[in-house]
Amino acid sequence: MQGLLNQMRELTSEVSSAHSTFDLPLTDGDLLGGGSFGAALKDSLERINTLQSESAAKARAFQTGDPDVALHEVMIAGQKASIGFELGVQVRNRLLTAYKDIMNMQV
């Protein structure tokens, strides 16, 4: 998760340098896509983090013998976290590919 955030920060700094190269003002709206795409991306990353935290908490509770946590709940939470993380990785890969394609376009 941390690696994903670091890569996104690197892309942000590259976008900032590209804007300064063309003397365009850079605003938060530029980086966040007017609030819609950026907010959706942020929300999805927070959701992935929440799923992973819940999965870890259920696993710890099960390992300590909490009678309120069943094995199937732990497994389902783990699968949800895994699927969410894979989705995040695929979205990151698509974003990087799109960014590279845009940067390679001739103007």
Protein backbone atom coordinates (compact mmCIF):
# COMPACT_ATOMS: atom_id res chain seq x y z
CA MET A 1 0.00 0.00 0.00
CA GLN A 2 2.82 2.38 0.91
CA GLY A 3 4.59 1.67 -2.38
CA LEU A 4 1.43 2.56 -4.26
CA LEU A 5 1.17 5.87 -2.44
CA ASN A 6 4.84 6.63 -3.10
CA GLN A 7 4.41 5.97 -6.82
CA MET A 8 1.39 8.26 -6.91
CA ARG A 9 3.39 11.00 -5.18
CA GLU A 10 6.16 10.58 -7.77
CA LEU A 11 3.61 10.94 -10.56
CA THR A 12 2.25 14.06 -8.89
CA SER A 13 5.72 15.60 -8.80
CA GLU A 14 6.25 14.70 -12.47
CA VAL A 15 2.95 16.35 -13.36
CA SER A 16 4.00 19.41 -11.38
CA SER A 17 7.27 19.65 -13.28
CA ALA A 18 5.46 19.18 -16.60
CA HIS A 19 3.09 22.04 -15.73
CA SER A 20 6.00 24.30 -14.82
CA THR A 21 7.70 23.41 -18.11
CA PHE A 22 4.72 24.77 -20.04
CA ASP A 23 4.20 27.72 -17.64
CA LEU A 24 0.73 26.53 -16.69
CA PRO A 25 -0.62 27.27 -13.22
CA LEU A 26 -1.00 24.13 -11.15
CA THR A 27 -3.96 23.94 -8.81
CA ASP A 28 -5.33 21.25 -6.55
CA GLY A 29 -8.14 20.82 -9.05
CA ASP A 30 -5.58 19.84 -11.69
CA LEU A 31 -4.11 17.13 -9.47
CA LEU A 32 -7.44 15.91 -8.18
CA GLY A 33 -9.25 16.00 -11.49
CA GLY A 34 -11.66 18.68 -10.39
CA GLY A 35 -12.42 16.68 -7.27
CA SER A 36 -14.32 13.85 -8.89
CA PHE A 37 -11.65 11.41 -10.08
CA GLY A 38 -9.17 12.33 -7.36
CA ALA A 39 -11.80 12.00 -4.65
CA ALA A 40 -12.92 8.65 -6.03
CA LEU A 41 -9.35 7.40 -6.14
CA LYS A 42 -8.68 8.58 -2.60
CA ASP A 43 -11.89 6.98 -1.36
CA SER A 44 -11.04 3.69 -3.01
CA LEU A 45 -7.54 3.67 -1.48
CA GLU A 46 -9.03 4.39 1.92
CA ARG A 47 -11.53 1.57 1.40
CA ILE A 48 -8.72 -0.84 0.51
CA ASN A 49 -6.86 0.22 3.64
CA THR A 50 -9.99 -0.29 5.73
CA LEU A 51 -10.53 -3.77 4.28
CA GLN A 52 -6.96 -4.73 5.10
CA SER A 53 -7.24 -3.37 8.63
CA GLU A 54 -10.49 -5.24 9.21
CA SER A 55 -8.97 -8.44 7.87
CA ALA A 56 -5.96 -8.14 10.16
CA ALA A 57 -8.17 -7.36 13.16
CA LYS A 58 -10.40 -10.39 12.52
CA ALA A 59 -7.39 -12.63 12.07
CA ARG A 60 -5.90 -11.42 15.37
CA ALA A 61 -9.22 -11.86 17.14
CA PHE A 62 -9.57 -15.41 15.80
CA GLN A 63 -5.99 -16.28 16.78
CA THR A 64 -6.55 -15.05 20.32
CA GLY A 65 -9.63 -17.26 20.61
CA ASP A 66 -12.41 -14.67 20.45
CA PRO A 67 -15.65 -16.71 20.38
CA ASP A 68 -17.45 -14.00 18.37
CA VAL A 69 -15.18 -14.47 15.33
CA ALA A 70 -15.63 -17.55 13.17
CA LEU A 71 -13.09 -18.94 10.73
CA HIS A 72 -15.31 -18.27 7.73
CA GLU A 73 -15.52 -14.57 8.70
CA VAL A 74 -11.73 -14.38 8.84
CA MET A 75 -11.40 -16.05 5.44
CA ILE A 76 -14.02 -13.82 3.82
CA ALA A 77 -12.42 -10.67 5.24
CA GLY A 78 -9.03 -11.87 3.96
CA GLN A 79 -10.41 -12.48 0.47
CA LYS A 80 -12.12 -9.09 0.39
CA ALA A 81 -8.84 -7.40 1.36
CA SER A 82 -6.93 -9.41 -1.24
CA ILE A 83 -9.36 -8.61 -4.04
CA GLY A 84 -9.40 -4.93 -3.07
CA PHE A 85 -5.61 -4.79 -3.10
CA GLU A 86 -5.43 -6.50 -6.50
CA LEU A 87 -7.96 -4.00 -7.83
CA GLY A 88 -5.82 -1.14 -6.52
CA VAL A 89 -2.73 -2.57 -8.18
CA GLN A 90 -4.54 -2.98 -11.50
CA VAL A 91 -5.88 0.58 -11.36
CA ARG A 92 -2.37 1.85 -10.61
CA ASN A 93 -0.99 -0.13 -13.55
CA ARG A 94 -3.63 1.30 -15.88
CA LEU A 95 -2.96 4.82 -14.64
CA LEU A 96 0.77 4.43 -15.18
CA THR A 97 0.22 3.05 -18.68
CA ALA A 98 -2.13 5.92 -19.55
CA TYR A 99 0.33 8.47 -18.12
CA LYS A 100 3.20 7.00 -20.13
CA ASP A 101 1.09 6.96 -23.29
CA ILE A 102 0.17 10.60 -22.80
CA MET A 103 3.77 11.59 -22.11
CA ASN A 104 4.91 9.79 -25.29
CA MET A 105 2.38 11.59 -27.50
CA GLN A 106 3.85 14.06 -29.89
CA VAL A 107 2.34 17.51 -29.68
